Amino acid sequence: MKDETFLQRSLALAKESTTKGNLPFGCLLVDSTGSILEEAGNTVSTDKNPIAHCELNLVQQMAGKYTASFLQNCTIYCSVEPCPMCAGAIYWSGIGRVVFALDTNTYNAIGQVDTAALFEIPCQEIVEKGGRKVEVVGPAFHKEAVEFYRSLLKQ
């Protein structure tokens, strides 16, 4: 049940991102006690920065605040499966668990994204290449996330 609550928050952050003129992606960092430590949305459009994905924004926000051993027991909740760049950043940041609501392929289909320019490797495959264990769970809120994105992207 806890995962669902945090995934709902990631979707709310995604919606907030769109109200600010950005792409619909959001994420949050939660510690082992269930406390929300950081939240971030996508700022690609407003920052005019193609790598200002929500996960990278979150990793930047938390830089220097937490130890690697602390982060190993934390979870990042993402509205959509992290892209390869973000999966790498999550890995290198030290976060130990990733939970995402919607998989990339379903998001791309709903949003009618031109996948020709995308670099698609599942998050699980990226983190498996590293020497440190990172648990990846998802899509973990699929039905609700599909409904959310269908509604949001019709606007």
Protein backbone atom coordinates (compact mmCIF):
# COMPACT_ATOMS: atom_id res chain seq x y z
CA MET A 1 0.00 0.00 0.00
CA LYS A 2 2.87 2.39 0.77
CA ASP A 3 4.24 2.11 -2.76
CA GLU A 4 0.86 3.09 -4.19
CA THR A 5 0.70 6.20 -2.02
CA PHE A 6 4.11 7.38 -3.19
CA LEU A 7 3.36 6.51 -6.81
CA GLN A 8 0.20 8.62 -6.57
CA ARG A 9 2.40 11.49 -5.37
CA SER A 10 4.76 10.97 -8.33
CA LEU A 11 1.78 11.33 -10.66
CA ALA A 12 0.70 14.51 -8.86
CA LEU A 13 4.22 15.88 -9.36
CA ALA A 14 3.99 14.94 -13.05
CA LYS A 15 0.76 16.91 -13.33
CA GLU A 16 2.40 19.89 -11.58
CA SER A 17 5.20 19.73 -14.14
CA THR A 18 2.71 20.12 -16.98
CA THR A 19 1.04 23.12 -15.31
CA LYS A 20 4.47 24.78 -15.35
CA GLY A 21 4.87 24.07 -19.08
CA ASN A 22 7.04 20.97 -18.82
CA LEU A 23 6.72 17.31 -19.70
CA PRO A 24 4.54 15.15 -17.42
CA PHE A 25 7.11 13.44 -15.22
CA GLY A 26 7.63 13.52 -11.46
CA CYS A 27 9.53 11.62 -8.78
CA LEU A 28 10.28 11.61 -5.07
CA LEU A 29 12.86 10.14 -2.74
CA VAL A 30 11.61 8.28 0.34
CA ASP A 31 13.71 6.96 3.21
CA SER A 32 13.33 3.59 4.95
CA THR A 33 10.88 5.04 7.50
CA GLY A 34 8.53 6.33 4.78
CA SER A 35 9.51 9.99 5.05
CA ILE A 36 9.62 11.99 1.84
CA LEU A 37 13.06 13.57 1.55
CA GLU A 38 13.01 15.19 -1.89
CA GLU A 39 10.57 15.79 -4.73
CA ALA A 40 11.22 16.86 -8.30
CA GLY A 41 9.47 17.43 -11.55
CA ASN A 42 10.60 17.62 -15.13
CA THR A 43 11.94 21.07 -16.10
CA VAL A 44 13.18 20.40 -19.64
CA SER A 45 11.07 23.15 -21.23
CA THR A 46 11.28 25.86 -18.57
CA ASP A 47 15.03 25.37 -18.03
CA LYS A 48 15.63 24.95 -21.78
CA ASN A 49 17.74 21.97 -20.77
CA PRO A 50 17.20 18.62 -22.53
CA ILE A 51 18.59 16.67 -19.57
CA ALA A 52 16.45 18.31 -16.86
CA HIS A 53 14.48 15.12 -16.31
CA CYS A 54 12.78 14.79 -12.93
CA GLU A 55 15.17 12.06 -11.75
CA LEU A 56 18.26 14.11 -12.62
CA ASN A 57 16.74 17.15 -10.94
CA LEU A 58 16.14 15.04 -7.81
CA VAL A 59 19.68 13.63 -7.82
CA GLN A 60 21.04 17.19 -8.13
CA GLN A 61 18.84 18.38 -5.23
CA MET A 62 20.09 15.63 -2.92
CA ALA A 63 23.78 16.04 -3.80
CA GLY A 64 25.87 16.20 -0.63
CA LYS A 65 22.92 15.75 1.73
CA TYR A 66 22.97 11.99 2.27
CA THR A 67 25.57 9.25 2.59
CA ALA A 68 25.76 6.32 0.18
CA SER A 69 24.89 3.87 2.97
CA PHE A 70 21.79 5.92 3.83
CA LEU A 71 20.68 6.15 0.19
CA GLN A 72 21.07 2.40 -0.29
CA ASN A 73 18.00 2.07 1.97
CA CYS A 74 15.98 4.74 0.13
CA THR A 75 13.48 4.43 -2.73
CA ILE A 76 12.91 6.72 -5.68
CA TYR A 77 9.31 6.67 -6.91
CA CYS A 78 8.88 7.70 -10.53
CA SER A 79 5.74 8.39 -12.54
CA VAL A 80 7.29 6.67 -15.58
CA GLU A 81 10.18 4.23 -15.90
CA PRO A 82 13.49 6.11 -15.78
CA CYS A 83 15.28 6.51 -19.12
CA PRO A 84 18.84 5.14 -19.50
CA MET A 85 20.39 8.50 -18.51
CA CYS A 86 18.27 8.72 -15.37
CA ALA A 87 18.76 5.06 -14.49
CA GLY A 88 22.51 5.69 -14.60
CA ALA A 89 22.17 8.75 -12.38
CA ILE A 90 20.04 6.81 -9.91
CA TYR A 91 22.65 4.05 -9.84
CA TRP A 92 25.57 6.43 -9.33
CA SER A 93 23.70 8.43 -6.67
CA GLY A 94 23.53 5.36 -4.43
CA ILE A 95 19.74 4.98 -4.25
CA GLY A 96 18.91 1.33 -3.54
CA ARG A 97 15.40 0.94 -4.92
CA VAL A 98 13.44 2.27 -7.92
CA VAL A 99 9.65 1.95 -8.21
CA PHE A 100 7.87 3.30 -11.28
CA ALA A 101 4.18 3.57 -12.08
CA LEU A 102 4.16 3.22 -15.88
CA ASP A 103 6.59 1.56 -18.28
CA THR A 104 8.22 3.59 -21.04
CA ASN A 105 6.61 1.72 -23.94
CA THR A 106 3.09 2.30 -22.63
CA TYR A 107 3.81 5.98 -21.99
CA ASN A 108 5.18 6.35 -25.53
CA ALA A 109 2.08 4.72 -26.98
CA ILE A 110 -0.30 6.91 -24.97
CA GLY A 111 1.63 10.08 -25.74
CA GLN A 112 2.17 9.11 -29.38
CA VAL A 113 5.88 9.75 -28.89
CA ASP A 114 8.10 9.43 -31.95
CA THR A 115 10.40 6.69 -30.70
CA ALA A 116 12.86 7.01 -33.61
CA ALA A 117 15.00 9.47 -31.63
CA LEU A 118 14.76 7.68 -28.29
CA PHE A 119 17.46 5.64 -26.61
CA GLU A 120 15.49 2.78 -25.13
CA ILE A 121 17.02 0.38 -22.65
CA PRO A 122 14.91 -0.75 -19.68
CA CYS A 123 15.93 0.66 -16.29
CA GLN A 124 16.44 -2.89 -14.96
CA GLU A 125 19.03 -3.63 -17.66
CA ILE A 126 21.02 -0.49 -16.87
CA VAL A 127 21.29 -1.07 -13.12
CA GLU A 128 22.05 -4.79 -13.56
CA LYS A 129 25.31 -3.82 -15.28
CA GLY A 130 26.62 -2.22 -12.09
CA GLY A 131 28.37 -3.87 -9.19
CA ARG A 132 25.89 -2.58 -6.61
CA LYS A 133 22.42 -4.06 -6.17
CA VAL A 134 19.52 -1.78 -7.08
CA GLU A 135 16.02 -3.21 -6.84
CA VAL A 136 13.70 -2.16 -9.68
CA VAL A 137 9.92 -2.58 -9.32
CA GLY A 138 7.48 -1.70 -12.04
CA PRO A 139 5.25 -1.02 -13.66
CA ALA A 140 3.71 -1.02 -10.20
CA PHE A 141 0.65 1.21 -10.66
CA HIS A 142 -0.05 0.42 -14.29
CA LYS A 143 -3.83 0.65 -14.58
CA GLU A 144 -4.05 3.89 -12.63
CA ALA A 145 -1.08 5.42 -14.45
CA VAL A 146 -2.54 4.54 -17.86
CA GLU A 147 -5.79 6.28 -16.91
CA PHE A 148 -3.88 9.27 -15.53
CA TYR A 149 -1.72 9.74 -18.64
CA ARG A 150 -4.59 9.16 -21.06
CA SER A 151 -6.54 11.89 -19.30
CA LEU A 152 -3.56 14.25 -18.92
CA LEU A 153 -2.24 13.93 -22.46
CA LYS A 154 -5.66 14.53 -24.05
CA GLN A 155 -5.65 18.11 -22.72
